[in-house]
Protein backbone atom coordinates (compact mmCIF):
# COMPACT_ATOMS: atom_id res chain seq x y z
CA MET A 1 36.44 16.14 31.84
CA ALA A 2 35.94 19.86 32.30
CA VAL A 3 32.49 20.99 31.70
CA GLY A 4 32.34 22.72 28.56
CA GLN A 5 35.52 20.63 27.01
CA ALA A 6 34.82 18.88 23.64
CA GLY A 7 33.85 15.39 24.19
CA SER A 8 35.09 12.18 22.19
CA SER A 9 33.34 11.74 18.75
CA GLY A 10 29.76 11.38 19.09
CA GLU A 11 29.44 12.73 22.44
CA ALA A 12 27.34 16.08 23.58
CA LYS A 13 29.43 19.20 23.80
CA ALA A 14 28.04 21.78 26.20
CA ARG A 15 26.86 24.88 24.82
CA TYR A 16 26.86 28.23 26.55
CA MET A 17 24.12 31.67 25.56
CA THR A 18 24.42 34.92 27.64
CA PRO A 19 21.95 36.86 26.24
CA VAL A 20 21.26 40.28 27.77
CA ASN A 21 17.26 40.10 27.11
CA VAL A 22 16.53 36.79 26.38
CA PHE A 23 12.72 37.84 26.18
CA ARG A 24 13.64 39.49 22.73
CA THR A 25 13.96 36.25 20.70
CA ARG A 26 14.34 36.91 16.73
CA GLN A 27 11.75 34.82 15.30
CA ALA A 28 9.00 34.87 12.86
CA GLU A 29 5.93 36.26 13.96
CA VAL A 30 2.78 34.14 13.24
CA PRO A 31 1.41 35.69 10.09
CA ILE A 32 -1.98 37.04 9.10
CA HIS A 33 -2.47 34.30 6.42
CA ALA A 34 -5.53 32.74 4.53
CA PHE A 35 -4.74 29.61 2.31
CA ALA A 36 -6.18 30.62 -1.21
CA ASN A 37 -4.04 28.31 -3.14
CA GLU A 38 -4.76 25.40 -0.83
CA ARG A 39 -8.19 25.86 -0.84
CA GLU A 40 -8.24 26.34 -5.11
CA GLU A 41 -6.63 23.15 -4.80
CA ALA A 42 -9.15 21.17 -2.39
CA PHE A 43 -12.19 22.14 -4.48
CA THR A 44 -10.82 21.59 -8.26
CA ALA A 45 -12.73 18.75 -9.50
CA GLY A 46 -11.15 15.97 -10.06
CA ARG A 47 -8.09 16.33 -7.28
CA GLN A 48 -6.80 13.05 -6.26
CA THR A 49 -7.10 11.30 -2.67
CA GLY A 50 -4.76 12.53 -0.52
CA PHE A 51 -4.09 15.43 1.87
CA ILE A 52 -3.22 19.01 1.35
CA PRO A 53 -1.34 20.65 4.08
CA LEU A 54 -1.54 24.33 5.00
CA ASP A 55 2.06 24.39 6.09
CA LEU A 56 4.26 27.42 6.80
CA GLY A 57 6.74 25.33 8.29
CA PRO A 58 9.61 27.02 6.97
CA HIS A 59 8.33 30.52 7.65
CA TYR A 60 8.84 29.36 11.30
CA GLY A 61 11.93 27.72 10.91
CA CYS A 62 10.76 24.26 11.61
CA ASN A 63 11.59 21.17 9.56
CA TYR A 64 8.28 19.86 10.18
CA LEU A 65 4.92 20.57 9.01
CA ALA A 66 3.40 23.75 10.65
CA THR A 67 0.10 25.91 10.21
CA THR A 68 0.96 27.69 13.69
CA PRO A 69 3.73 26.76 15.71
CA LEU A 70 1.88 23.89 17.74
CA MET A 71 -1.36 23.20 15.00
CA LEU A 72 -1.57 21.56 11.68
CA GLY A 73 -4.37 22.14 9.32
CA ARG A 74 -4.96 20.12 5.81
CA TYR A 75 -7.83 19.35 3.79
CA ALA A 76 -8.10 15.38 3.22
CA ILE A 77 -9.65 14.66 -0.04
CA ILE A 78 -11.47 11.07 -0.80
CA ARG A 79 -12.82 10.37 -3.78
CA ALA A 80 -15.76 8.26 -4.43
CA GLY A 81 -14.89 4.52 -3.53
CA GLU A 82 -11.52 5.37 -2.26
CA GLU A 83 -10.14 5.62 1.34
CA LEU A 84 -7.25 7.57 3.33
CA ALA A 85 -5.43 5.82 5.97
CA CYS A 86 -4.58 8.05 9.10
CA ASP A 87 -0.67 7.23 10.48
CA LEU A 88 -0.28 10.52 12.15
CA PHE A 89 2.07 11.80 14.75
CA ALA A 90 -0.31 13.32 16.82
CA THR A 91 -2.78 12.66 19.69
CA GLY A 92 -5.88 13.19 17.86
CA LEU A 93 -7.50 14.42 14.65
CA ALA A 94 -10.45 17.23 14.58
CA GLY A 95 -12.41 17.61 11.47
CA TYR A 96 -15.43 19.06 9.67
CA VAL A 97 -16.91 17.54 6.63
CA LEU A 98 -17.37 20.07 4.17
CA ARG A 99 -18.47 17.61 1.14
CA GLY A 100 -19.17 14.00 0.89
CA VAL A 101 -20.57 10.90 2.62
CA GLY A 102 -18.51 8.24 3.57
CA VAL A 103 -17.51 6.19 6.77
CA ALA A 104 -14.56 6.44 9.55
CA ILE A 105 -13.15 2.87 10.56
CA CYS A 106 -11.02 3.50 13.92
CA PRO A 107 -9.21 0.90 15.62
CA ASP A 108 -12.31 0.91 18.93
CA ARG A 109 -15.45 1.58 16.70
CA SER A 110 -16.64 2.64 12.84
CA PHE A 111 -19.43 5.23 12.30
CA GLU A 112 -20.99 6.80 9.10
CA TRP A 113 -20.21 10.38 8.27
CA ALA A 114 -21.93 13.32 6.20
CA SER A 115 -21.73 16.78 5.04
CA GLY A 116 -22.30 18.89 7.89
CA ASP A 117 -20.57 16.55 10.91
CA ALA A 118 -17.80 17.41 12.75
CA LEU A 119 -15.22 14.47 13.76
CA LEU A 120 -13.23 13.30 16.24
CA LEU A 121 -10.46 10.27 15.32
CA PRO A 122 -7.73 8.58 16.58
CA ALA A 123 -4.26 9.72 14.60
CA VAL A 124 -3.14 6.63 13.83
CA GLY A 125 -4.79 3.51 12.40
CA THR A 126 -7.81 5.02 10.72
CA ILE A 127 -9.15 5.02 7.46
CA ILE A 128 -11.38 7.37 6.22
CA ARG A 129 -13.99 5.89 3.38
CA ALA A 130 -15.63 8.12 0.95
CA ARG A 131 -18.83 6.91 -0.95
CA GLU A 132 -19.07 9.92 -2.81
CA ASP A 133 -16.17 12.10 -3.29
CA ALA A 134 -15.21 14.01 -0.22
CA ILE A 135 -13.48 16.97 1.54
CA ILE A 136 -12.74 16.99 5.21
CA PHE A 137 -10.96 19.89 6.66
CA CYS A 138 -8.54 18.30 9.45
CA ILE A 139 -6.75 19.77 12.40
CA THR A 140 -4.17 17.89 14.37
CA ASP A 141 -1.42 18.84 16.92
CA GLU A 142 1.46 17.45 15.35
CA PRO A 143 3.82 20.42 15.48
CA LEU A 144 3.38 20.43 18.92
CA LEU A 145 4.58 17.05 19.53
CA SER A 146 7.49 17.52 16.88
CA PHE A 147 8.62 20.79 19.01
CA LEU A 148 8.55 18.30 21.80
CA GLY A 149 10.07 15.37 20.37
CA ALA A 150 7.60 13.21 22.05
CA ARG A 151 5.20 10.54 20.93
CA PRO A 152 1.33 10.40 22.08
CA SER A 153 1.01 8.45 25.11
CA ALA A 154 -3.04 8.30 24.63
CA SER A 155 -5.30 9.11 21.75
CA VAL A 156 -8.55 10.24 21.57
CA PRO A 157 -11.77 8.53 21.21
CA ALA A 158 -13.67 8.18 18.02
CA ILE A 159 -16.63 10.62 17.91
CA ARG A 160 -19.28 11.70 15.37
CA TYR A 161 -20.78 15.17 16.29
CA PRO A 162 -23.64 15.08 13.71
CA ALA A 163 -24.90 18.16 12.27
CA GLU A 164 -28.08 18.06 13.11
CA ASP A 165 -27.22 17.88 17.41
CA ILE A 166 -24.69 20.74 16.60
CA GLU A 167 -27.77 22.70 15.38
CA ARG A 168 -29.76 21.92 18.42
CA GLN A 169 -27.12 22.81 20.61
CA LEU A 170 -26.39 26.18 19.05
CA ALA A 171 -30.76 27.11 18.95
CA ALA A 172 -30.07 26.31 22.86
CA VAL A 173 -27.33 28.67 22.93
CA TYR A 174 -29.10 31.75 20.83
CA GLU A 175 -31.97 30.86 23.08
CA ARG A 176 -29.60 32.34 26.13
CA GLY A 177 -29.62 35.99 25.06
CA ASP A 178 -27.41 38.39 25.05
CA ASP A 179 -24.42 39.16 27.94
CA GLU A 180 -22.25 41.63 28.52
CA ASP A 181 -19.52 39.49 28.80
CA LEU A 182 -20.57 37.26 25.51
CA THR A 183 -17.49 36.71 23.61
CA GLY A 184 -19.45 34.68 20.48
CA ARG A 185 -22.13 31.88 20.03
CA ALA A 186 -20.46 28.77 20.21
CA VAL A 187 -20.32 24.96 20.81
CA PHE A 188 -17.19 23.21 22.11
CA LEU A 189 -16.77 19.98 20.34
CA THR A 190 -15.25 17.94 23.57
CA HIS A 191 -15.80 14.41 25.24
CA ASP A 192 -15.31 13.04 28.87
CA GLY A 193 -11.66 13.56 28.60
CA GLY A 194 -11.81 17.13 27.68
CA GLY A 195 -12.37 17.95 31.12
CA ALA A 196 -13.09 21.31 32.61
CA TYR A 197 -11.32 23.18 29.68
CA GLY A 198 -13.74 21.80 27.03
CA THR A 199 -10.62 20.45 24.64
CA THR A 200 -11.01 18.00 21.92
CA MET A 201 -7.19 17.01 22.20
CA PRO A 202 -5.39 18.29 25.29
CA ALA A 203 -3.79 21.31 23.92
CA LEU A 204 -6.44 22.11 21.72
CA ILE A 205 -10.03 23.03 20.79
CA SER A 206 -12.47 23.26 18.35
CA THR A 207 -15.58 24.89 18.14
CA ILE A 208 -18.14 25.75 15.93
CA THR A 209 -19.01 29.37 16.20
CA THR A 210 -21.51 31.50 14.71
CA LEU A 211 -22.33 35.29 14.14
CA GLU A 212 -25.95 36.65 13.57
CA ALA A 213 -26.80 38.33 10.43
CA GLY A 214 -25.71 42.21 10.91
CA GLY A 215 -24.14 41.35 14.04
CA VAL A 216 -20.31 42.15 14.91
CA GLN A 217 -17.81 40.31 17.30
CA ARG A 218 -16.44 42.57 19.60
CA PRO A 219 -12.78 43.54 19.42
CA HIS A 220 -10.62 41.24 21.66
CA HIS A 221 -7.57 39.14 21.88
CA HIS A 222 -6.00 36.31 23.31
CA ASN A 223 -2.61 34.37 23.50
CA ALA A 224 -3.97 31.62 21.64
CA ALA A 225 -3.27 31.38 18.02
CA ALA A 226 -6.48 30.64 16.07
CA ILE A 227 -7.05 28.45 12.64
CA THR A 228 -10.67 29.46 10.91
CA LEU A 229 -12.32 27.44 8.64
CA CYS A 230 -15.37 30.03 7.08
CA LEU A 231 -18.54 27.68 6.14
CA SER A 232 -20.72 30.42 5.11
CA GLU A 233 -21.29 32.10 1.54
CA ASP A 234 -22.39 35.58 3.09
CA GLU A 235 -20.82 39.00 2.93
CA LEU A 236 -18.43 38.29 6.01
CA GLU A 237 -15.01 40.34 6.79
CA SER A 238 -12.66 39.72 10.26
CA VAL A 239 -10.24 42.99 10.85
CA VAL A 240 -7.00 41.51 12.37
CA ASP A 241 -4.63 43.71 13.55
CA GLY A 242 -6.04 46.65 11.38
CA VAL A 243 -5.82 44.10 8.50
CA SER A 244 -9.27 43.79 6.51
CA CYS A 245 -9.69 39.75 5.81
CA ARG A 246 -12.51 38.72 3.23
CA TRP A 247 -14.20 35.52 4.22
CA ARG A 248 -14.93 32.51 1.87
CA HIS A 249 -16.45 29.44 1.99
CA GLY A 250 -14.10 26.56 2.78
CA LEU A 251 -11.44 29.42 3.23
CA VAL A 252 -8.87 28.50 6.36
CA GLN A 253 -7.36 31.62 7.97
CA ILE A 254 -5.17 32.20 10.71
CA THR A 255 -5.51 34.83 13.69
CA PRO A 256 -2.18 35.52 15.15
CA PRO A 257 -1.99 35.30 18.89
CA CYS A 258 -2.53 38.33 20.70
CA ALA A 259 -3.92 39.96 17.91
CA VAL A 260 -6.48 42.15 18.39
CA HIS A 261 -9.36 40.75 15.91
CA ALA A 262 -13.15 41.04 15.34
CA ILE A 263 -15.86 39.55 12.86
CA TYR A 264 -18.55 41.65 10.79
CA ASN A 265 -21.56 39.86 9.39
CA ARG A 266 -22.99 42.31 6.78
CA GLY A 267 -24.82 39.62 5.10
CA LYS A 268 -28.37 38.24 5.29
CA SER A 269 -27.79 35.04 7.10
CA ARG A 270 -26.04 33.42 10.14
CA MET A 271 -22.18 33.19 9.83
CA THR A 272 -20.84 29.58 11.27
CA SER A 273 -17.15 28.57 11.19
CA PHE A 274 -15.01 25.84 12.62
CA VAL A 275 -12.31 27.15 14.81
CA SER A 276 -9.46 25.82 16.42
CA GLN A 277 -7.34 27.02 19.02
CA ASP A 278 -4.41 25.93 21.05
CA SER A 279 -6.05 27.06 24.05
CA GLY A 280 -5.73 23.99 25.97
CA LEU A 281 -2.03 24.65 27.10
CA PHE A 282 -3.09 28.21 27.94
CA TYR A 283 -5.97 27.33 30.31
CA HIS A 284 -3.82 24.80 31.77
CA MET A 285 -0.95 27.22 32.56
CA ARG A 286 -3.69 30.08 33.49
CA THR A 287 -2.47 32.41 30.99
CA THR A 288 -5.38 32.92 28.69
CA GLY A 289 -4.84 36.52 28.38
CA PHE A 290 -8.44 37.47 27.20
CA ALA A 291 -9.62 40.87 26.96
CA PHE A 292 -11.91 42.96 25.41
CA ASP A 293 -10.25 45.81 23.39
């Protein structure tokens, strides 16, 4: 059969494309976006146990959930005395406990968690049980695997990052003082399998990022998209490609890839946020594209 001819029923057919410029694709861009409605739903008293996805899949033309093309954020709501089972198409789940106390029951181990802790959990076979009403913000790489049509061959370990340990690490970061190359005072939440890049999942990093009262994060850009959960109550503002974005405790915002962005802490206390980026891919490809602006 000649190449390009239609085959029998059920047989794949050849297609050809001859674009003038393959780099000028017509795709919806990653937007500057704050998930205000989802935040209000998550913090509504009496909300039943379940996930609240931060989904922009239809915007990207995806037939799966996606916050950015490679990352998916969710609020996990667990009522006191109830549990939430995780059976997700991902290499793992990274989370931050906004509210509540409970236990994570994972395939290889179980541990207790509380407000202010960060978590890394296997995406399959994990049960999150709450002893009091809980809200956990979660990040996975589900859109990446869905795009590849791949199943994870391995899972991340189950790890608790206690709030007190995170605070000790941040204190050590602040003791280092200033540096002209400083992008922010942050702690990477990683593990033995995170390698030199300090990833949580192979393609994703998760960090606790801070900014001192009155401080300004220098304008910069990079190729990775960012999903940021605000953990502060004070007067905070980010400027992304010239657009002002007001922050609020528990609010999740997207910083698009390559967007010039900076953060301004005009309050009287330290800013804290939980940030996830698809940086692992760009580290591996040697294409982080970072620069101060």
